[in-house]
Amino acid sequence: MLVQRLQAAALLLGPLTFAASPFFWTDGHYGVNGGTLIALAMVPWVYGLVGEYERLRERVPRAAGLWLLLLLVGMFGSVSFGLQGFFEQALDAVDRVALAGFADYPPQSLLVLWLPGPAFPLARLAFGVLLGWTRTAPWWVAVLICLAAVAFPLGRVLRLEWVAYVADVLVLVPFGYLARRAWRRPAPAAPAP
């Protein structure tokens, strides 16, 4: 029951921490504080989603397993982008200076930033689709998660603050519902000795 409650709380804490990051943007950059929030948010968020994975695995084991892999790659990409923002400000390499620096390391930046970066919004989109397909959540939860997954890159990549705020609200509502439901879920029966 303790782990279930921790995962339920993490389903809300992760997106909430992530949603705070655009408030620290400076000229469209995460900076030290926003980058820290992005990186830190991934730990509880993914921990909470692992609990949801367990529920999905019962119904669609292969799809759930592939989704979990995509989620973990997305976590890595999000932490990388958060740390990019942190180091840009800490090392005073904001704007095109940082991006030009990545050009000196094309295979590494491809593996660390550009390939895993889109995986987290894709994992959230896949999560919404899986919730809708398996009917393990109300349709509106699945739709909001999918809409937020599509809106997320628009706000972050284009650095449009109002779109980022809307995308974050679209995330907080369904994840708040999932967290509440997970908190109230009866504890699984203990296996017989």
C-alpha atoms as a PDB file:
ATOM      1  CA  MET A   1       0.000   0.000   0.000  1.00  0.00           C
ATOM      2  CA  LEU A   2       2.892   2.380   0.761  1.00  0.00           C
ATOM      3  CA  VAL A   3       4.400   2.008  -2.727  1.00  0.00           C
ATOM      4  CA  GLN A   4       0.980   2.465  -4.315  1.00  0.00           C
ATOM      5  CA  ARG A   5       0.442   5.695  -2.378  1.00  0.00           C
ATOM      6  CA  LEU A   6       3.927   6.962  -3.220  1.00  0.00           C
ATOM      7  CA  GLN A   7       3.323   6.270  -6.912  1.00  0.00           C
ATOM      8  CA  ALA A   8      -0.054   8.009  -6.716  1.00  0.00           C
ATOM      9  CA  ALA A   9       1.522  11.095  -5.157  1.00  0.00           C
ATOM     10  CA  ALA A  10       4.291  10.977  -7.765  1.00  0.00           C
ATOM     11  CA  LEU A  11       1.702  11.046 -10.574  1.00  0.00           C
ATOM     12  CA  LEU A  12       0.802  14.545  -9.424  1.00  0.00           C
ATOM     13  CA  LEU A  13       4.160  15.738  -8.075  1.00  0.00           C
ATOM     14  CA  GLY A  14       6.043  15.041 -11.329  1.00  0.00           C
ATOM     15  CA  PRO A  15       3.746  16.999 -13.677  1.00  0.00           C
ATOM     16  CA  LEU A  16       3.322  19.761 -11.085  1.00  0.00           C
ATOM     17  CA  THR A  17       7.084  20.240 -10.752  1.00  0.00           C
ATOM     18  CA  PHE A  18       7.453  20.112 -14.534  1.00  0.00           C
ATOM     19  CA  ALA A  19       4.671  22.699 -14.958  1.00  0.00           C
ATOM     20  CA  ALA A  20       6.554  25.142 -12.750  1.00  0.00           C
ATOM     21  CA  SER A  21       9.534  25.239 -15.144  1.00  0.00           C
ATOM     22  CA  PRO A  22       8.179  27.787 -17.686  1.00  0.00           C
ATOM     23  CA  PHE A  23       7.760  30.319 -14.870  1.00  0.00           C
ATOM     24  CA  PHE A  24      11.547  30.457 -14.716  1.00  0.00           C
ATOM     25  CA  TRP A  25      12.165  30.937 -18.430  1.00  0.00           C
ATOM     26  CA  THR A  26      14.483  33.776 -19.324  1.00  0.00           C
ATOM     27  CA  ASP A  27      14.137  34.881 -22.935  1.00  0.00           C
ATOM     28  CA  GLY A  28      12.813  31.447 -23.879  1.00  0.00           C
ATOM     29  CA  HIS A  29      15.492  29.472 -22.038  1.00  0.00           C
ATOM     30  CA  TYR A  30      15.031  27.253 -18.998  1.00  0.00           C
ATOM     31  CA  GLY A  31      18.083  28.511 -17.163  1.00  0.00           C
ATOM     32  CA  VAL A  32      19.368  27.061 -13.919  1.00  0.00           C
ATOM     33  CA  ASN A  33      16.045  26.971 -12.058  1.00  0.00           C
ATOM     34  CA  GLY A  34      13.801  25.838 -14.910  1.00  0.00           C
ATOM     35  CA  GLY A  35      16.333  23.248 -16.033  1.00  0.00           C
ATOM     36  CA  THR A  36      16.619  21.906 -12.500  1.00  0.00           C
ATOM     37  CA  LEU A  37      12.835  21.586 -12.237  1.00  0.00           C
ATOM     38  CA  ILE A  38      12.655  19.714 -15.562  1.00  0.00           C
ATOM     39  CA  ALA A  39      15.358  17.250 -14.535  1.00  0.00           C
ATOM     40  CA  LEU A  40      13.959  16.707 -11.032  1.00  0.00           C
ATOM     41  CA  ALA A  41      10.356  16.329 -12.244  1.00  0.00           C
ATOM     42  CA  MET A  42      11.212  13.257 -14.280  1.00  0.00           C
ATOM     43  CA  VAL A  43      11.990  11.063 -11.268  1.00  0.00           C
ATOM     44  CA  PRO A  44       8.597  11.225  -9.538  1.00  0.00           C
ATOM     45  CA  TRP A  45       6.689  11.405 -12.810  1.00  0.00           C
ATOM     46  CA  VAL A  46       8.228   8.236 -14.190  1.00  0.00           C
ATOM     47  CA  TYR A  47       7.942   6.533 -10.800  1.00  0.00           C
ATOM     48  CA  GLY A  48       4.216   7.254 -10.839  1.00  0.00           C
ATOM     49  CA  LEU A  49       3.897   6.084 -14.436  1.00  0.00           C
ATOM     50  CA  VAL A  50       5.568   2.790 -13.561  1.00  0.00           C
ATOM     51  CA  GLY A  51       2.552   2.119 -11.341  1.00  0.00           C
ATOM     52  CA  GLU A  52       0.279   2.800 -14.309  1.00  0.00           C
ATOM     53  CA  TYR A  53       2.467   0.494 -16.409  1.00  0.00           C
ATOM     54  CA  GLU A  54       1.658  -2.353 -14.015  1.00  0.00           C
ATOM     55  CA  ARG A  55      -2.045  -1.841 -14.656  1.00  0.00           C
ATOM     56  CA  LEU A  56      -1.605  -1.622 -18.436  1.00  0.00           C
ATOM     57  CA  ARG A  57       0.646  -4.689 -18.479  1.00  0.00           C
ATOM     58  CA  GLU A  58      -2.242  -6.826 -17.251  1.00  0.00           C
ATOM     59  CA  ARG A  59      -4.293  -5.953 -20.340  1.00  0.00           C
ATOM     60  CA  VAL A  60      -1.745  -5.305 -23.096  1.00  0.00           C
ATOM     61  CA  PRO A  61       1.629  -6.689 -21.987  1.00  0.00           C
ATOM     62  CA  ARG A  62       3.561  -6.170 -25.240  1.00  0.00           C
ATOM     63  CA  ALA A  63       2.269  -2.677 -25.906  1.00  0.00           C
ATOM     64  CA  ALA A  64       2.823  -1.732 -22.257  1.00  0.00           C
ATOM     65  CA  GLY A  65       6.398  -3.047 -22.359  1.00  0.00           C
ATOM     66  CA  LEU A  66       7.196  -1.047 -25.494  1.00  0.00           C
ATOM     67  CA  TRP A  67       5.579   2.016 -23.957  1.00  0.00           C
ATOM     68  CA  LEU A  68       7.721   1.631 -20.812  1.00  0.00           C
ATOM     69  CA  LEU A  69      10.871   1.525 -22.932  1.00  0.00           C
ATOM     70  CA  LEU A  70       9.782   4.671 -24.793  1.00  0.00           C
ATOM     71  CA  LEU A  71       8.997   6.316 -21.453  1.00  0.00           C
ATOM     72  CA  LEU A  72      12.467   5.592 -20.069  1.00  0.00           C
ATOM     73  CA  VAL A  73      14.141   6.947 -23.200  1.00  0.00           C
ATOM     74  CA  GLY A  74      11.912  10.014 -22.899  1.00  0.00           C
ATOM     75  CA  MET A  75      12.906  10.462 -19.275  1.00  0.00           C
ATOM     76  CA  PHE A  76      16.548  10.439 -20.323  1.00  0.00           C
ATOM     77  CA  GLY A  77      15.854  13.015 -23.049  1.00  0.00           C
ATOM     78  CA  SER A  78      13.918  15.306 -20.705  1.00  0.00           C
ATOM     79  CA  VAL A  79      16.624  15.165 -18.047  1.00  0.00           C
ATOM     80  CA  SER A  80      19.182  15.954 -20.773  1.00  0.00           C
ATOM     81  CA  PHE A  81      17.245  19.013 -21.917  1.00  0.00           C
ATOM     82  CA  GLY A  82      16.769  20.146 -18.322  1.00  0.00           C
ATOM     83  CA  LEU A  83      20.484  19.862 -17.701  1.00  0.00           C
ATOM     84  CA  GLN A  84      21.161  21.683 -20.964  1.00  0.00           C
ATOM     85  CA  GLY A  85      19.200  24.650 -19.622  1.00  0.00           C
ATOM     86  CA  PHE A  86      20.990  24.408 -16.284  1.00  0.00           C
ATOM     87  CA  PHE A  87      24.463  24.390 -17.847  1.00  0.00           C
ATOM     88  CA  GLU A  88      23.662  27.060 -20.440  1.00  0.00           C
ATOM     89  CA  GLN A  89      23.013  29.598 -17.716  1.00  0.00           C
ATOM     90  CA  ALA A  90      25.622  28.298 -15.273  1.00  0.00           C
ATOM     91  CA  LEU A  91      28.325  28.468 -17.956  1.00  0.00           C
ATOM     92  CA  ASP A  92      26.931  31.650 -19.534  1.00  0.00           C
ATOM     93  CA  ALA A  93      26.487  29.950 -22.916  1.00  0.00           C
ATOM     94  CA  VAL A  94      22.910  30.951 -23.724  1.00  0.00           C
ATOM     95  CA  ASP A  95      21.370  31.379 -27.187  1.00  0.00           C
ATOM     96  CA  ARG A  96      23.148  30.148 -30.289  1.00  0.00           C
ATOM     97  CA  VAL A  97      26.473  29.628 -28.498  1.00  0.00           C
ATOM     98  CA  ALA A  98      25.208  26.439 -26.844  1.00  0.00           C
ATOM     99  CA  LEU A  99      23.612  25.081 -30.003  1.00  0.00           C
ATOM    100  CA  ALA A 100      26.774  25.853 -31.981  1.00  0.00           C
ATOM    101  CA  GLY A 101      28.736  23.916 -29.381  1.00  0.00           C
ATOM    102  CA  PHE A 102      26.547  20.854 -29.953  1.00  0.00           C
ATOM    103  CA  ALA A 103      27.389  21.008 -33.654  1.00  0.00           C
ATOM    104  CA  ASP A 104      30.976  20.074 -32.730  1.00  0.00           C
ATOM    105  CA  TYR A 105      29.681  16.750 -31.381  1.00  0.00           C
ATOM    106  CA  PRO A 106      27.050  15.564 -33.860  1.00  0.00           C
ATOM    107  CA  PRO A 107      26.791  11.864 -32.955  1.00  0.00           C
ATOM    108  CA  GLN A 108      26.842  12.523 -29.223  1.00  0.00           C
ATOM    109  CA  SER A 109      24.286  15.340 -29.301  1.00  0.00           C
ATOM    110  CA  LEU A 110      22.099  13.207 -31.559  1.00  0.00           C
ATOM    111  CA  LEU A 111      22.148  10.387 -28.973  1.00  0.00           C
ATOM    112  CA  VAL A 112      21.854  12.598 -25.891  1.00  0.00           C
ATOM    113  CA  LEU A 113      19.431  15.311 -27.050  1.00  0.00           C
ATOM    114  CA  TRP A 114      17.872  15.095 -30.485  1.00  0.00           C
ATOM    115  CA  LEU A 115      16.735  11.436 -30.582  1.00  0.00           C
ATOM    116  CA  PRO A 116      15.582  10.968 -26.959  1.00  0.00           C
ATOM    117  CA  GLY A 117      14.162  14.502 -26.702  1.00  0.00           C
ATOM    118  CA  PRO A 118      10.905  13.796 -28.574  1.00  0.00           C
ATOM    119  CA  ALA A 119      10.467  10.437 -26.815  1.00  0.00           C
ATOM    120  CA  PHE A 120       8.803  11.879 -23.703  1.00  0.00           C
ATOM    121  CA  PRO A 121       5.948  13.621 -25.533  1.00  0.00           C
ATOM    122  CA  LEU A 122       5.614  10.503 -27.703  1.00  0.00           C
ATOM    123  CA  ALA A 123       5.463   8.344 -24.565  1.00  0.00           C
ATOM    124  CA  ARG A 124       2.735  10.581 -23.152  1.00  0.00           C
ATOM    125  CA  LEU A 125       0.812  10.337 -26.431  1.00  0.00           C
ATOM    126  CA  ALA A 126       1.180   6.546 -26.406  1.00  0.00           C
ATOM    127  CA  PHE A 127       0.060   6.487 -22.757  1.00  0.00           C
ATOM    128  CA  GLY A 128      -3.099   8.403 -23.635  1.00  0.00           C
ATOM    129  CA  VAL A 129      -3.797   6.063 -26.539  1.00  0.00           C
ATOM    130  CA  LEU A 130      -3.244   2.998 -24.334  1.00  0.00           C
ATOM    131  CA  LEU A 131      -5.556   4.379 -21.645  1.00  0.00           C
ATOM    132  CA  GLY A 132      -8.259   4.997 -24.236  1.00  0.00           C
ATOM    133  CA  TRP A 133      -7.743   1.692 -26.026  1.00  0.00           C
ATOM    134  CA  THR A 134      -7.848  -0.407 -22.867  1.00  0.00           C
ATOM    135  CA  ARG A 135     -10.560   1.760 -21.295  1.00  0.00           C
ATOM    136  CA  THR A 136      -8.572   1.886 -18.066  1.00  0.00           C
ATOM    137  CA  ALA A 137      -9.407   5.583 -17.683  1.00  0.00           C
ATOM    138  CA  PRO A 138     -12.324   7.774 -18.754  1.00  0.00           C
ATOM    139  CA  TRP A 139     -12.186   8.921 -22.371  1.00  0.00           C
ATOM    140  CA  TRP A 140     -11.636  12.565 -21.388  1.00  0.00           C
ATOM    141  CA  VAL A 141      -8.472  11.621 -19.458  1.00  0.00           C
ATOM    142  CA  ALA A 142      -7.045   9.838 -22.507  1.00  0.00           C
ATOM    143  CA  VAL A 143      -7.980  12.753 -24.796  1.00  0.00           C
ATOM    144  CA  LEU A 144      -6.444  15.414 -22.519  1.00  0.00           C
ATOM    145  CA  ILE A 145      -3.221  13.424 -22.188  1.00  0.00           C
ATOM    146  CA  CYS A 146      -3.012  13.101 -25.980  1.00  0.00           C
ATOM    147  CA  LEU A 147      -3.777  16.811 -26.529  1.00  0.00           C
ATOM    148  CA  ALA A 148      -1.153  17.787 -23.966  1.00  0.00           C
ATOM    149  CA  ALA A 149       1.399  15.521 -25.645  1.00  0.00           C
ATOM    150  CA  VAL A 150       0.811  17.311 -28.954  1.00  0.00           C
ATOM    151  CA  ALA A 151       0.792  20.802 -27.396  1.00  0.00           C
ATOM    152  CA  PHE A 152       3.944  20.153 -25.354  1.00  0.00           C
ATOM    153  CA  PRO A 153       6.475  20.397 -28.207  1.00  0.00           C
ATOM    154  CA  LEU A 154       4.738  23.483 -29.589  1.00  0.00           C
ATOM    155  CA  GLY A 155       5.227  25.354 -26.330  1.00  0.00           C
ATOM    156  CA  ARG A 156       8.716  24.107 -25.564  1.00  0.00           C
ATOM    157  CA  VAL A 157      10.311  24.047 -29.008  1.00  0.00           C
ATOM    158  CA  LEU A 158       8.760  27.319 -30.198  1.00  0.00           C
ATOM    159  CA  ARG A 159       9.283  28.844 -26.720  1.00  0.00           C
ATOM    160  CA  LEU A 160       5.722  30.160 -26.594  1.00  0.00           C
ATOM    161  CA  GLU A 161       5.023  30.642 -22.903  1.00  0.00           C
ATOM    162  CA  TRP A 162       1.240  30.714 -23.169  1.00  0.00           C
ATOM    163  CA  VAL A 163       1.232  27.432 -25.129  1.00  0.00           C
ATOM    164  CA  ALA A 164       3.536  25.866 -22.526  1.00  0.00           C
ATOM    165  CA  TYR A 165       1.146  26.958 -19.758  1.00  0.00           C
ATOM    166  CA  VAL A 166      -1.875  25.563 -21.608  1.00  0.00           C
ATOM    167  CA  ALA A 167      -0.056  22.285 -22.287  1.00  0.00           C
ATOM    168  CA  ASP A 168       0.868  22.020 -18.611  1.00  0.00           C
ATOM    169  CA  VAL A 169      -2.722  22.592 -17.487  1.00  0.00           C
ATOM    170  CA  LEU A 170      -3.826  19.956 -19.991  1.00  0.00           C
ATOM    171  CA  VAL A 171      -1.385  17.592 -18.257  1.00  0.00           C
ATOM    172  CA  LEU A 172      -2.225  18.494 -14.662  1.00  0.00           C
ATOM    173  CA  VAL A 173      -5.959  17.825 -14.945  1.00  0.00           C
ATOM    174  CA  PRO A 174      -5.806  14.196 -16.161  1.00  0.00           C
ATOM    175  CA  PHE A 175      -2.758  13.332 -14.074  1.00  0.00           C
ATOM    176  CA  GLY A 176      -4.486  14.795 -11.035  1.00  0.00           C
ATOM    177  CA  TYR A 177      -7.399  12.482 -11.761  1.00  0.00           C
ATOM    178  CA  LEU A 178      -5.088   9.474 -12.217  1.00  0.00           C
ATOM    179  CA  ALA A 179      -3.247  10.317  -8.980  1.00  0.00           C
ATOM    180  CA  ARG A 180      -6.510  10.551  -7.031  1.00  0.00           C
ATOM    181  CA  ARG A 181      -7.743   7.282  -8.490  1.00  0.00           C
ATOM    182  CA  ALA A 182      -4.443   5.525  -7.756  1.00  0.00           C
ATOM    183  CA  TRP A 183      -4.483   6.855  -4.178  1.00  0.00           C
ATOM    184  CA  ARG A 184      -7.981   5.429  -3.608  1.00  0.00           C
ATOM    185  CA  ARG A 185      -7.357   2.114  -5.356  1.00  0.00           C
ATOM    186  CA  PRO A 186      -7.684  -0.852  -2.997  1.00  0.00           C
ATOM    187  CA  ALA A 187      -4.428  -2.498  -2.078  1.00  0.00           C
ATOM    188  CA  PRO A 188      -3.675  -5.653  -4.064  1.00  0.00           C
ATOM    189  CA  ALA A 189      -4.326  -8.872  -2.207  1.00  0.00           C
ATOM    190  CA  ALA A 190      -1.229 -10.403  -0.664  1.00  0.00           C
ATOM    191  CA  PRO A 191      -0.129 -13.673  -2.292  1.00  0.00           C
ATOM    192  CA  ALA A 192      -0.941 -16.802  -0.351  1.00  0.00           C
ATOM    193  CA  PRO A 193       2.051 -18.371   1.447  1.00  0.00           C
END
